N, C-alpha and C. Protein backbone atom coordinates (compact mmCIF):
# COMPACT_ATOMS: atom_id res chain seq x y z
N LYS A 1 0.84 -1.19 0.00
CA LYS A 1 0.00 0.00 0.00
C LYS A 1 0.88 1.24 0.00
N ASP A 2 0.36 2.32 -0.57
CA ASP A 2 1.07 3.59 -0.63
C ASP A 2 1.36 4.14 0.76
N ASP A 3 2.42 4.93 0.86
CA ASP A 3 2.71 5.61 2.10
C ASP A 3 1.88 6.89 2.21
N GLU A 4 1.20 7.28 1.11
CA GLU A 4 0.38 8.48 1.13
C GLU A 4 -0.87 8.24 1.96
N GLU A 5 -1.25 9.26 2.71
CA GLU A 5 -2.48 9.18 3.48
C GLU A 5 -3.65 9.50 2.58
N GLU A 6 -4.73 8.74 2.74
CA GLU A 6 -5.93 9.02 1.96
C GLU A 6 -6.61 10.25 2.54
N ILE A 7 -6.98 11.17 1.68
CA ILE A 7 -7.63 12.40 2.11
C ILE A 7 -9.13 12.21 2.03
N VAL A 8 -9.82 12.50 3.11
CA VAL A 8 -11.27 12.47 3.13
C VAL A 8 -11.74 13.87 3.49
N CYS A 9 -12.48 14.49 2.57
CA CYS A 9 -12.91 15.87 2.75
C CYS A 9 -14.28 15.93 3.43
N ALA A 10 -14.56 17.08 3.98
CA ALA A 10 -15.88 17.33 4.54
C ALA A 10 -16.92 17.21 3.43
N ALA A 11 -18.13 16.83 3.77
CA ALA A 11 -19.17 16.59 2.77
C ALA A 11 -20.04 17.82 2.53
N ASN A 12 -19.57 19.00 2.96
CA ASN A 12 -20.38 20.19 2.75
C ASN A 12 -20.35 20.63 1.28
N LEU A 13 -21.30 21.45 0.91
CA LEU A 13 -21.44 21.90 -0.47
C LEU A 13 -21.27 23.41 -0.55
N TYR A 14 -20.90 23.88 -1.74
CA TYR A 14 -20.79 25.31 -2.01
C TYR A 14 -21.82 25.66 -3.08
N GLU A 15 -22.61 26.71 -2.84
CA GLU A 15 -23.60 27.12 -3.83
C GLU A 15 -22.96 28.08 -4.83
N CYS A 16 -23.04 27.73 -6.09
CA CYS A 16 -22.46 28.53 -7.17
C CYS A 16 -23.39 29.66 -7.57
N TRP A 17 -22.90 30.54 -8.42
CA TRP A 17 -23.63 31.72 -8.88
C TRP A 17 -24.96 31.35 -9.54
N ASP A 18 -25.03 30.15 -10.16
CA ASP A 18 -26.24 29.76 -10.90
C ASP A 18 -27.21 28.94 -10.07
N GLY A 19 -26.94 28.77 -8.77
CA GLY A 19 -27.82 28.00 -7.91
C GLY A 19 -27.45 26.53 -7.81
N SER A 20 -26.49 26.08 -8.62
CA SER A 20 -26.04 24.69 -8.52
C SER A 20 -25.06 24.59 -7.35
N PHE A 21 -24.77 23.36 -6.95
CA PHE A 21 -23.88 23.12 -5.83
C PHE A 21 -22.71 22.27 -6.27
N VAL A 22 -21.55 22.49 -5.67
CA VAL A 22 -20.38 21.66 -5.92
C VAL A 22 -19.85 21.14 -4.59
N SER A 23 -19.27 19.95 -4.64
CA SER A 23 -18.70 19.33 -3.45
C SER A 23 -17.20 19.57 -3.42
N ARG A 24 -16.57 19.09 -2.38
CA ARG A 24 -15.12 19.22 -2.25
C ARG A 24 -14.42 18.13 -3.06
N ASP A 25 -13.22 18.42 -3.51
CA ASP A 25 -12.45 17.53 -4.37
C ASP A 25 -11.34 16.87 -3.56
N ASN A 26 -11.46 15.56 -3.34
CA ASN A 26 -10.44 14.83 -2.56
C ASN A 26 -9.08 14.85 -3.24
N ASP A 27 -9.06 15.02 -4.56
CA ASP A 27 -7.80 15.02 -5.29
C ASP A 27 -7.17 16.40 -5.41
N ASN A 28 -7.79 17.42 -4.79
CA ASN A 28 -7.28 18.78 -4.89
C ASN A 28 -7.30 19.44 -3.51
N ASP A 29 -6.74 18.76 -2.53
CA ASP A 29 -6.61 19.30 -1.17
C ASP A 29 -7.93 19.81 -0.60
N CYS A 30 -9.02 19.13 -0.94
CA CYS A 30 -10.35 19.44 -0.42
C CYS A 30 -10.88 20.80 -0.86
N GLU A 31 -10.32 21.35 -1.91
CA GLU A 31 -10.88 22.57 -2.50
C GLU A 31 -12.21 22.19 -3.14
N PHE A 32 -13.11 23.16 -3.29
CA PHE A 32 -14.37 22.87 -3.96
C PHE A 32 -14.12 22.68 -5.46
N HIS A 33 -14.93 21.79 -6.08
CA HIS A 33 -14.89 21.66 -7.52
C HIS A 33 -15.25 23.01 -8.13
N ASP A 34 -14.87 23.24 -9.37
CA ASP A 34 -15.18 24.51 -10.04
C ASP A 34 -16.68 24.64 -10.28
N CYS A 35 -17.17 25.84 -10.14
CA CYS A 35 -18.54 26.15 -10.51
C CYS A 35 -18.61 26.27 -12.03
N PRO A 36 -19.81 26.15 -12.60
CA PRO A 36 -19.93 26.37 -14.04
C PRO A 36 -19.48 27.79 -14.38
N SER A 37 -18.90 27.95 -15.55
CA SER A 37 -18.44 29.28 -15.93
C SER A 37 -19.63 30.17 -16.25
N ARG A 38 -19.42 31.45 -16.13
CA ARG A 38 -20.47 32.42 -16.44
C ARG A 38 -20.41 32.74 -17.93
N ASP A 39 -21.08 31.93 -18.71
CA ASP A 39 -21.14 32.13 -20.15
C ASP A 39 -22.17 33.23 -20.42
N THR A 40 -21.76 34.26 -21.13
CA THR A 40 -22.66 35.39 -21.35
C THR A 40 -23.83 35.03 -22.26
N THR A 41 -23.76 33.88 -22.93
CA THR A 41 -24.86 33.47 -23.79
C THR A 41 -25.84 32.57 -23.05
N THR A 42 -25.55 32.23 -21.81
CA THR A 42 -26.42 31.35 -21.03
C THR A 42 -27.64 32.14 -20.55
N THR A 43 -28.80 31.54 -20.73
CA THR A 43 -30.03 32.15 -20.24
C THR A 43 -30.55 31.33 -19.07
N GLU A 44 -31.54 31.86 -18.37
CA GLU A 44 -32.10 31.11 -17.25
C GLU A 44 -32.65 29.77 -17.68
N GLU A 45 -33.17 29.68 -18.91
CA GLU A 45 -33.71 28.42 -19.41
C GLU A 45 -32.60 27.38 -19.61
N ASP A 46 -31.36 27.82 -19.80
CA ASP A 46 -30.24 26.91 -20.03
C ASP A 46 -29.70 26.30 -18.74
N ILE A 47 -30.00 26.91 -17.61
CA ILE A 47 -29.44 26.45 -16.34
C ILE A 47 -30.20 25.21 -15.87
N VAL A 48 -29.45 24.17 -15.57
CA VAL A 48 -30.04 22.92 -15.12
C VAL A 48 -29.87 22.82 -13.61
N ALA A 49 -30.97 22.61 -12.91
CA ALA A 49 -30.91 22.40 -11.46
C ALA A 49 -31.09 20.91 -11.20
N CYS A 50 -30.10 20.30 -10.58
CA CYS A 50 -30.12 18.87 -10.31
C CYS A 50 -30.54 18.62 -8.86
N ALA A 51 -31.00 17.41 -8.60
CA ALA A 51 -31.26 17.01 -7.22
C ALA A 51 -29.96 17.13 -6.42
N GLN A 52 -30.06 17.43 -5.16
CA GLN A 52 -28.87 17.68 -4.35
C GLN A 52 -28.43 16.46 -3.55
N ASP A 53 -28.86 15.25 -3.99
CA ASP A 53 -28.43 14.05 -3.29
C ASP A 53 -26.97 13.74 -3.60
N MET A 54 -26.37 12.93 -2.79
CA MET A 54 -24.96 12.56 -2.94
C MET A 54 -24.88 11.05 -3.14
N TYR A 55 -23.82 10.62 -3.81
CA TYR A 55 -23.56 9.19 -3.99
C TYR A 55 -22.27 8.86 -3.26
N GLU A 56 -22.29 7.79 -2.47
CA GLU A 56 -21.08 7.37 -1.78
C GLU A 56 -20.33 6.38 -2.67
N CYS A 57 -19.13 6.74 -3.06
CA CYS A 57 -18.30 5.91 -3.92
C CYS A 57 -17.76 4.72 -3.12
N PRO A 58 -17.27 3.69 -3.81
CA PRO A 58 -16.73 2.51 -3.12
C PRO A 58 -15.64 2.84 -2.10
N ASP A 59 -14.89 3.94 -2.34
CA ASP A 59 -13.81 4.30 -1.40
C ASP A 59 -14.31 5.17 -0.25
N GLY A 60 -15.64 5.44 -0.21
CA GLY A 60 -16.20 6.21 0.89
C GLY A 60 -16.34 7.69 0.61
N THR A 61 -15.77 8.19 -0.50
CA THR A 61 -15.92 9.60 -0.83
C THR A 61 -17.32 9.84 -1.38
N LEU A 62 -17.75 11.09 -1.33
CA LEU A 62 -19.08 11.46 -1.80
C LEU A 62 -18.95 12.31 -3.06
N VAL A 63 -19.84 12.07 -4.01
CA VAL A 63 -19.90 12.90 -5.21
C VAL A 63 -21.33 13.39 -5.38
N ASN A 64 -21.46 14.59 -5.94
CA ASN A 64 -22.79 15.13 -6.20
C ASN A 64 -23.10 15.04 -7.69
N ARG A 65 -24.27 15.51 -8.08
CA ARG A 65 -24.68 15.44 -9.47
C ARG A 65 -24.06 16.58 -10.27
N ASP A 66 -23.84 16.34 -11.55
CA ASP A 66 -23.18 17.28 -12.45
C ASP A 66 -24.22 17.95 -13.34
N ASN A 67 -24.47 19.24 -13.10
CA ASN A 67 -25.50 19.93 -13.89
C ASN A 67 -25.06 20.18 -15.33
N THR A 68 -23.82 19.90 -15.66
CA THR A 68 -23.37 20.03 -17.04
C THR A 68 -23.38 18.69 -17.77
N ASN A 69 -23.84 17.62 -17.11
CA ASN A 69 -23.85 16.29 -17.70
C ASN A 69 -25.18 15.59 -17.40
N ASP A 70 -26.28 16.26 -17.73
CA ASP A 70 -27.62 15.69 -17.56
C ASP A 70 -27.87 15.17 -16.14
N CYS A 71 -27.29 15.82 -15.16
CA CYS A 71 -27.48 15.50 -13.74
C CYS A 71 -26.98 14.10 -13.35
N GLU A 72 -26.08 13.55 -14.14
CA GLU A 72 -25.43 12.30 -13.74
C GLU A 72 -24.50 12.63 -12.58
N PHE A 73 -24.17 11.64 -11.75
CA PHE A 73 -23.22 11.87 -10.67
C PHE A 73 -21.83 12.10 -11.25
N HIS A 74 -21.04 12.94 -10.56
CA HIS A 74 -19.64 13.09 -10.94
C HIS A 74 -18.97 11.72 -10.82
N GLU A 75 -17.88 11.54 -11.53
CA GLU A 75 -17.18 10.26 -11.53
C GLU A 75 -16.49 10.02 -10.20
N CYS A 76 -16.57 8.79 -9.73
CA CYS A 76 -15.85 8.39 -8.52
C CYS A 76 -14.36 8.28 -8.84
N LYS A 77 -13.55 8.46 -7.81
CA LYS A 77 -12.12 8.29 -7.97
C LYS A 77 -11.86 6.84 -8.38
N LYS A 78 -11.01 6.65 -9.35
CA LYS A 78 -10.76 5.31 -9.86
C LYS A 78 -9.98 4.48 -8.85
N GLU A 79 -10.39 3.24 -8.72
CA GLU A 79 -9.71 2.27 -7.87
C GLU A 79 -8.54 1.69 -8.66
N PRO A 80 -7.53 1.17 -8.01
CA PRO A 80 -6.45 0.52 -8.76
C PRO A 80 -7.00 -0.61 -9.61
N SER A 81 -6.53 -0.70 -10.83
CA SER A 81 -7.03 -1.69 -11.78
C SER A 81 -6.49 -3.08 -11.47
N LEU A 82 -7.36 -4.07 -11.61
CA LEU A 82 -6.95 -5.47 -11.45
C LEU A 82 -6.58 -6.08 -12.80
N GLY A 83 -6.73 -5.30 -13.88
CA GLY A 83 -6.41 -5.80 -15.20
C GLY A 83 -7.60 -6.42 -15.90
N PHE A 84 -8.75 -6.47 -15.23
CA PHE A 84 -9.96 -6.97 -15.87
C PHE A 84 -11.15 -6.25 -15.25
N ASP A 85 -12.27 -6.30 -15.95
CA ASP A 85 -13.47 -5.59 -15.52
C ASP A 85 -14.31 -6.51 -14.64
N LEU A 86 -14.13 -6.41 -13.34
CA LEU A 86 -14.76 -7.30 -12.38
C LEU A 86 -16.29 -7.24 -12.43
N PHE A 87 -16.84 -6.05 -12.60
CA PHE A 87 -18.28 -5.89 -12.53
C PHE A 87 -18.94 -5.67 -13.88
N GLY A 88 -18.20 -5.73 -14.96
CA GLY A 88 -18.77 -5.57 -16.28
C GLY A 88 -19.30 -4.18 -16.54
N SER A 89 -18.68 -3.17 -15.93
CA SER A 89 -19.17 -1.81 -16.10
C SER A 89 -18.65 -1.17 -17.36
N GLY A 90 -17.76 -1.84 -18.07
CA GLY A 90 -17.22 -1.27 -19.30
C GLY A 90 -16.33 -0.07 -19.04
N GLY A 91 -15.81 0.06 -17.83
CA GLY A 91 -14.92 1.18 -17.52
C GLY A 91 -15.65 2.42 -17.05
N ASN A 92 -16.98 2.42 -17.09
CA ASN A 92 -17.73 3.57 -16.61
C ASN A 92 -17.70 3.58 -15.10
N ASN A 93 -17.15 4.62 -14.53
CA ASN A 93 -16.99 4.71 -13.09
C ASN A 93 -18.05 5.60 -12.47
N ARG A 94 -19.15 5.83 -13.21
CA ARG A 94 -20.23 6.66 -12.69
C ARG A 94 -21.42 5.79 -12.35
N PRO A 95 -22.02 6.03 -11.22
CA PRO A 95 -23.26 5.33 -10.91
C PRO A 95 -24.40 5.92 -11.75
N SER A 96 -25.37 5.13 -12.08
CA SER A 96 -26.54 5.68 -12.77
C SER A 96 -27.79 5.29 -12.01
N PHE A 97 -28.59 6.28 -11.72
CA PHE A 97 -29.82 6.07 -10.95
C PHE A 97 -30.96 6.72 -11.70
């Protein structure tokens, strides 16, 4: 096992300018994920509001839904590969609900 300590961030959320929420990023010293950019061509009809539920990844980290990807959950941190697809997910590391 690595000598690196696993970082587990607080599960709080940050509300972005457009009303969406972002969680903390375990791979970036627990900084919040980036908010959507302020595109001057974006209208209120273009803004997608996703459910604010969280998904617990196999490693225990939490991910929220991505309003830029049809409200799918953000991708879980990848586990070390065993060289084969144990669960037949085809490499997709996102849960679908």
